[in-house]
Amino acid sequence: MTLENIILEAKKGKRNAQNAVIELLWNKVYNYVYGKIRNEEEAEDVAIETFTKVFTKLKLYNEDFDFTTWVISIAHNTMIDHIRKSPKLNISLDDENNLLEILEDQPSPEEYLILKQDNDKLNKAIAKLKDPYQKIIELRYIEDKTYKEIVEELNLTLPNVKVRLLRAKQLLIEIMQNNI
C-alpha cells in the first residue's frame, strides 16, 4: 500500500491506516522534537499530540505538498505550543540561528477562569470515556506517570500505550466538540 493510499484511508478514519501513518512517521516526528527539547517524555507527549492534530486536520491536507513535511510542520508548531504551556520547561529553541526564548506565562485572572471552566469540561468529557481510555488519560495527565510506568501498570506494550493514548485524545476531542 502506498503512502497516498494510506493517507486516503486515514482520512476516512480507518484505524489501520492511522496506525500505519504513526508507524511510518513516529521516529521522524519524535526525533525532530527530541532534537529540539532533549527530553524523552516531553518529546513523546508532543509526538502523540502531533498525531492527534494530524488526524484531526487530515481532511485539510493538500496533496500538492509533501506529507512528511506537513506532519513535521505540525510537530514544530505543537512543540512550540507545548513548551509555552509547560511550566517545567524553560527552553530556548535555536531555529535557523534565530534564538527564540519561550518563558513561562502566568495566566491573567480572566484566563485563569477560562482555564478552570475548560478543566471542568475536560473532566466531564474524561468521565464519558470508556474505561481503558479513561484510565490511560488519568495515568498520563492526572497522575503524571511516565510511559514506562503506564506500560508496567497496565501490562501493555509501549506502542500499545501510545496508540491507546492517541485514541483516547481523539475521543476526548470528539466528545468535547459534540458538547459545544
C-alpha atoms as a PDB file:
ATOM      1  CA  MET A   1       0.000   0.000   0.000  1.00  0.00           C
ATOM      2  CA  THR A   2       1.417   3.406  -0.974  1.00  0.00           C
ATOM      3  CA  LEU A   3       1.587   6.416   1.327  1.00  0.00           C
ATOM      4  CA  GLU A   4      -1.083   8.117  -0.798  1.00  0.00           C
ATOM      5  CA  ASN A   5      -3.453   5.174  -0.260  1.00  0.00           C
ATOM      6  CA  ILE A   6      -2.678   5.104   3.450  1.00  0.00           C
ATOM      7  CA  ILE A   7      -3.461   8.839   3.684  1.00  0.00           C
ATOM      8  CA  LEU A   8      -6.755   8.366   1.815  1.00  0.00           C
ATOM      9  CA  GLU A   9      -7.766   5.539   4.162  1.00  0.00           C
ATOM     10  CA  ALA A  10      -6.665   7.547   7.220  1.00  0.00           C
ATOM     11  CA  LYS A  11      -8.817  10.466   6.013  1.00  0.00           C
ATOM     12  CA  LYS A  12     -11.769   8.065   6.138  1.00  0.00           C
ATOM     13  CA  GLY A  13     -10.947   7.374   9.791  1.00  0.00           C
ATOM     14  CA  LYS A  14      -9.652   3.838   9.238  1.00  0.00           C
ATOM     15  CA  ARG A  15      -7.684   2.828  12.349  1.00  0.00           C
ATOM     16  CA  ASN A  16      -5.307   0.557  10.432  1.00  0.00           C
ATOM     17  CA  ALA A  17      -4.323   3.412   8.141  1.00  0.00           C
ATOM     18  CA  GLN A  18      -3.898   5.797  11.088  1.00  0.00           C
ATOM     19  CA  ASN A  19      -1.691   3.227  12.803  1.00  0.00           C
ATOM     20  CA  ALA A  20       0.317   2.900   9.583  1.00  0.00           C
ATOM     21  CA  VAL A  21       0.839   6.685   9.463  1.00  0.00           C
ATOM     22  CA  ILE A  22       2.065   6.600  13.061  1.00  0.00           C
ATOM     23  CA  GLU A  23       4.397   3.687  12.319  1.00  0.00           C
ATOM     24  CA  LEU A  24       5.816   5.390   9.224  1.00  0.00           C
ATOM     25  CA  LEU A  25       6.377   8.810  10.756  1.00  0.00           C
ATOM     26  CA  TRP A  26       6.735   8.270  14.523  1.00  0.00           C
ATOM     27  CA  ASN A  27      10.540   8.235  14.517  1.00  0.00           C
ATOM     28  CA  LYS A  28      10.805  11.304  12.277  1.00  0.00           C
ATOM     29  CA  VAL A  29       8.413  13.313  14.443  1.00  0.00           C
ATOM     30  CA  TYR A  30       9.858  12.097  17.730  1.00  0.00           C
ATOM     31  CA  ASN A  31      13.476  12.648  16.631  1.00  0.00           C
ATOM     32  CA  TYR A  32      12.681  16.125  15.307  1.00  0.00           C
ATOM     33  CA  VAL A  33      11.061  17.167  18.596  1.00  0.00           C
ATOM     34  CA  TYR A  34      13.618  15.401  20.788  1.00  0.00           C
ATOM     35  CA  GLY A  35      16.422  17.102  18.857  1.00  0.00           C
ATOM     36  CA  LYS A  36      14.976  20.452  19.898  1.00  0.00           C
ATOM     37  CA  ILE A  37      13.873  19.871  23.507  1.00  0.00           C
ATOM     38  CA  ARG A  38      16.148  16.991  24.654  1.00  0.00           C
ATOM     39  CA  ASN A  39      13.539  15.465  26.963  1.00  0.00           C
ATOM     40  CA  GLU A  40      12.239  11.976  26.120  1.00  0.00           C
ATOM     41  CA  GLU A  41       8.881  12.175  27.898  1.00  0.00           C
ATOM     42  CA  GLU A  42       8.111  15.670  26.631  1.00  0.00           C
ATOM     43  CA  ALA A  43       9.110  14.604  23.102  1.00  0.00           C
ATOM     44  CA  GLU A  44       6.738  11.611  23.333  1.00  0.00           C
ATOM     45  CA  ASP A  45       3.927  13.861  24.568  1.00  0.00           C
ATOM     46  CA  VAL A  46       4.497  16.281  21.697  1.00  0.00           C
ATOM     47  CA  ALA A  47       4.648  13.423  19.183  1.00  0.00           C
ATOM     48  CA  ILE A  48       1.343  11.996  20.428  1.00  0.00           C
ATOM     49  CA  GLU A  49      -0.231  15.439  20.407  1.00  0.00           C
ATOM     50  CA  THR A  50       1.130  15.962  16.881  1.00  0.00           C
ATOM     51  CA  PHE A  51      -0.538  12.819  15.563  1.00  0.00           C
ATOM     52  CA  THR A  52      -3.781  13.779  17.281  1.00  0.00           C
ATOM     53  CA  LYS A  53      -3.670  17.073  15.379  1.00  0.00           C
ATOM     54  CA  VAL A  54      -2.627  15.354  12.149  1.00  0.00           C
ATOM     55  CA  PHE A  55      -5.682  13.094  12.240  1.00  0.00           C
ATOM     56  CA  THR A  56      -7.955  15.959  13.252  1.00  0.00           C
ATOM     57  CA  LYS A  57      -6.693  18.130  10.371  1.00  0.00           C
ATOM     58  CA  LEU A  58      -6.102  15.359   7.842  1.00  0.00           C
ATOM     59  CA  LYS A  59      -9.032  16.411   5.669  1.00  0.00           C
ATOM     60  CA  LEU A  60      -7.299  19.789   5.244  1.00  0.00           C
ATOM     61  CA  TYR A  61      -4.105  18.200   3.892  1.00  0.00           C
ATOM     62  CA  ASN A  62      -3.300  19.323   0.355  1.00  0.00           C
ATOM     63  CA  GLU A  63      -1.773  16.510  -1.711  1.00  0.00           C
ATOM     64  CA  ASP A  64       0.325  19.067  -3.646  1.00  0.00           C
ATOM     65  CA  PHE A  65       2.639  19.235  -0.622  1.00  0.00           C
ATOM     66  CA  ASP A  66       4.892  16.585   0.862  1.00  0.00           C
ATOM     67  CA  PHE A  67       3.011  14.749   3.615  1.00  0.00           C
ATOM     68  CA  THR A  68       6.056  14.244   5.842  1.00  0.00           C
ATOM     69  CA  THR A  69       6.908  17.954   5.657  1.00  0.00           C
ATOM     70  CA  TRP A  70       3.301  18.799   6.532  1.00  0.00           C
ATOM     71  CA  VAL A  71       3.403  16.484   9.560  1.00  0.00           C
ATOM     72  CA  ILE A  72       6.768  17.881  10.723  1.00  0.00           C
ATOM     73  CA  SER A  73       5.407  21.438  10.480  1.00  0.00           C
ATOM     74  CA  ILE A  74       2.505  20.385  12.705  1.00  0.00           C
ATOM     75  CA  ALA A  75       5.052  18.807  15.078  1.00  0.00           C
ATOM     76  CA  HIS A  76       7.057  22.043  15.131  1.00  0.00           C
ATOM     77  CA  ASN A  77       4.020  24.186  15.954  1.00  0.00           C
ATOM     78  CA  THR A  78       2.785  21.661  18.512  1.00  0.00           C
ATOM     79  CA  MET A  79       6.213  21.637  20.152  1.00  0.00           C
ATOM     80  CA  ILE A  80       6.278  25.449  20.400  1.00  0.00           C
ATOM     81  CA  ASP A  81       2.768  25.455  21.946  1.00  0.00           C
ATOM     82  CA  HIS A  82       3.728  22.651  24.329  1.00  0.00           C
ATOM     83  CA  ILE A  83       6.834  24.459  25.504  1.00  0.00           C
ATOM     84  CA  ARG A  84       4.900  27.682  26.061  1.00  0.00           C
ATOM     85  CA  LYS A  85       2.267  25.884  28.130  1.00  0.00           C
ATOM     86  CA  SER A  86       4.633  23.698  30.138  1.00  0.00           C
ATOM     87  CA  PRO A  87       5.731  25.297  33.420  1.00  0.00           C
ATOM     88  CA  LYS A  88       8.504  22.747  33.899  1.00  0.00           C
ATOM     89  CA  LEU A  89      10.184  23.646  30.616  1.00  0.00           C
ATOM     90  CA  ASN A  90      12.176  26.823  30.118  1.00  0.00           C
ATOM     91  CA  ILE A  91      13.754  26.212  26.754  1.00  0.00           C
ATOM     92  CA  SER A  92      15.421  28.346  24.124  1.00  0.00           C
ATOM     93  CA  LEU A  93      14.909  26.984  20.651  1.00  0.00           C
ATOM     94  CA  ASP A  94      17.603  27.755  18.114  1.00  0.00           C
ATOM     95  CA  ASP A  95      15.578  27.809  14.926  1.00  0.00           C
ATOM     96  CA  GLU A  96      17.804  28.629  11.955  1.00  0.00           C
ATOM     97  CA  ASN A  97      20.056  30.905  14.022  1.00  0.00           C
ATOM     98  CA  ASN A  98      17.134  32.878  15.426  1.00  0.00           C
ATOM     99  CA  LEU A  99      17.082  32.380  19.172  1.00  0.00           C
ATOM    100  CA  LEU A 100      13.529  32.118  20.407  1.00  0.00           C
ATOM    101  CA  GLU A 101      13.061  32.442  24.155  1.00  0.00           C
ATOM    102  CA  ILE A 102       9.989  30.700  25.461  1.00  0.00           C
ATOM    103  CA  LEU A 103       9.224  31.698  29.013  1.00  0.00           C
ATOM    104  CA  GLU A 104       6.601  30.543  31.440  1.00  0.00           C
ATOM    105  CA  ASP A 105       3.482  32.699  31.178  1.00  0.00           C
ATOM    106  CA  GLN A 106       1.253  33.178  34.182  1.00  0.00           C
ATOM    107  CA  PRO A 107      -2.427  33.429  33.205  1.00  0.00           C
ATOM    108  CA  SER A 108      -4.356  36.583  33.912  1.00  0.00           C
ATOM    109  CA  PRO A 109      -7.382  36.302  36.258  1.00  0.00           C
ATOM    110  CA  GLU A 110      -9.661  36.127  33.202  1.00  0.00           C
ATOM    111  CA  GLU A 111      -7.526  33.421  31.596  1.00  0.00           C
ATOM    112  CA  TYR A 112      -7.497  31.519  34.897  1.00  0.00           C
ATOM    113  CA  LEU A 113     -11.326  31.461  34.997  1.00  0.00           C
ATOM    114  CA  ILE A 114     -11.482  30.296  31.379  1.00  0.00           C
ATOM    115  CA  LEU A 115      -8.917  27.575  32.121  1.00  0.00           C
ATOM    116  CA  LYS A 116     -10.949  26.459  35.153  1.00  0.00           C
ATOM    117  CA  GLN A 117     -14.113  26.236  33.040  1.00  0.00           C
ATOM    118  CA  ASP A 118     -12.202  24.319  30.375  1.00  0.00           C
ATOM    119  CA  ASN A 119     -10.848  21.937  33.044  1.00  0.00           C
ATOM    120  CA  ASP A 120     -14.374  21.288  34.300  1.00  0.00           C
ATOM    121  CA  LYS A 121     -15.492  20.481  30.733  1.00  0.00           C
ATOM    122  CA  LEU A 122     -12.447  18.292  30.249  1.00  0.00           C
ATOM    123  CA  ASN A 123     -13.110  16.334  33.463  1.00  0.00           C
ATOM    124  CA  LYS A 124     -16.711  15.738  32.373  1.00  0.00           C
ATOM    125  CA  ALA A 125     -15.506  14.578  28.951  1.00  0.00           C
ATOM    126  CA  ILE A 126     -12.948  12.226  30.525  1.00  0.00           C
ATOM    127  CA  ALA A 127     -15.725  10.705  32.630  1.00  0.00           C
ATOM    128  CA  LYS A 128     -17.600   9.861  29.394  1.00  0.00           C
ATOM    129  CA  LEU A 129     -14.711   7.805  28.006  1.00  0.00           C
ATOM    130  CA  LYS A 130     -14.770   4.011  28.145  1.00  0.00           C
ATOM    131  CA  ASP A 131     -12.686   2.625  30.996  1.00  0.00           C
ATOM    132  CA  PRO A 132      -9.437   1.745  29.165  1.00  0.00           C
ATOM    133  CA  TYR A 133      -9.238   5.214  27.593  1.00  0.00           C
ATOM    134  CA  GLN A 134     -10.272   6.980  30.774  1.00  0.00           C
ATOM    135  CA  LYS A 135      -7.645   5.061  32.744  1.00  0.00           C
ATOM    136  CA  ILE A 136      -4.789   5.866  30.366  1.00  0.00           C
ATOM    137  CA  ILE A 137      -5.674   9.593  30.291  1.00  0.00           C
ATOM    138  CA  GLU A 138      -5.816   9.677  34.080  1.00  0.00           C
ATOM    139  CA  LEU A 139      -2.497   7.856  34.459  1.00  0.00           C
ATOM    140  CA  ARG A 140      -0.651  10.064  31.980  1.00  0.00           C
ATOM    141  CA  TYR A 141      -2.133  13.506  32.568  1.00  0.00           C
ATOM    142  CA  ILE A 142      -3.688  13.470  36.015  1.00  0.00           C
ATOM    143  CA  GLU A 143      -1.238  11.196  37.828  1.00  0.00           C
ATOM    144  CA  ASP A 144       1.625  12.389  35.575  1.00  0.00           C
ATOM    145  CA  LYS A 145       3.017   8.868  35.134  1.00  0.00           C
ATOM    146  CA  THR A 146       5.745   8.090  32.631  1.00  0.00           C
ATOM    147  CA  TYR A 147       5.108   5.848  29.662  1.00  0.00           C
ATOM    148  CA  LYS A 148       7.250   3.184  31.286  1.00  0.00           C
ATOM    149  CA  GLU A 149       5.133   3.302  34.465  1.00  0.00           C
ATOM    150  CA  ILE A 150       1.934   3.062  32.400  1.00  0.00           C
ATOM    151  CA  VAL A 151       3.341   0.077  30.473  1.00  0.00           C
ATOM    152  CA  GLU A 152       4.052  -1.684  33.753  1.00  0.00           C
ATOM    153  CA  GLU A 153       0.778  -0.757  35.448  1.00  0.00           C
ATOM    154  CA  LEU A 154      -1.481  -1.689  32.533  1.00  0.00           C
ATOM    155  CA  ASN A 155       0.685  -4.600  31.349  1.00  0.00           C
ATOM    156  CA  LEU A 156       0.744  -3.255  27.774  1.00  0.00           C
ATOM    157  CA  THR A 157       3.494  -2.723  25.248  1.00  0.00           C
ATOM    158  CA  LEU A 158       4.871   0.789  24.728  1.00  0.00           C
ATOM    159  CA  PRO A 159       3.413   1.069  21.188  1.00  0.00           C
ATOM    160  CA  ASN A 160       0.035  -0.068  22.548  1.00  0.00           C
ATOM    161  CA  VAL A 161       0.164   2.616  25.263  1.00  0.00           C
ATOM    162  CA  LYS A 162       1.000   5.276  22.659  1.00  0.00           C
ATOM    163  CA  VAL A 163      -1.812   4.198  20.327  1.00  0.00           C
ATOM    164  CA  ARG A 164      -4.322   3.927  23.168  1.00  0.00           C
ATOM    165  CA  LEU A 165      -3.351   7.378  24.425  1.00  0.00           C
ATOM    166  CA  LEU A 166      -3.694   8.805  20.917  1.00  0.00           C
ATOM    167  CA  ARG A 167      -7.132   7.231  20.507  1.00  0.00           C
ATOM    168  CA  ALA A 168      -8.209   8.471  23.939  1.00  0.00           C
ATOM    169  CA  LYS A 169      -7.221  12.002  22.987  1.00  0.00           C
ATOM    170  CA  GLN A 170      -9.106  11.716  19.687  1.00  0.00           C
ATOM    171  CA  LEU A 171     -12.214  10.518  21.520  1.00  0.00           C
ATOM    172  CA  LEU A 172     -11.891  13.372  24.012  1.00  0.00           C
ATOM    173  CA  ILE A 173     -11.746  15.876  21.167  1.00  0.00           C
ATOM    174  CA  GLU A 174     -14.868  14.351  19.637  1.00  0.00           C
ATOM    175  CA  ILE A 175     -16.735  14.413  22.958  1.00  0.00           C
ATOM    176  CA  MET A 176     -15.754  17.995  23.611  1.00  0.00           C
ATOM    177  CA  GLN A 177     -16.695  19.121  20.078  1.00  0.00           C
ATOM    178  CA  ASN A 178     -20.078  17.448  20.372  1.00  0.00           C
ATOM    179  CA  ASN A 179     -20.747  19.225  23.670  1.00  0.00           C
ATOM    180  CA  ILE A 180     -20.061  22.697  22.286  1.00  0.00           C
END
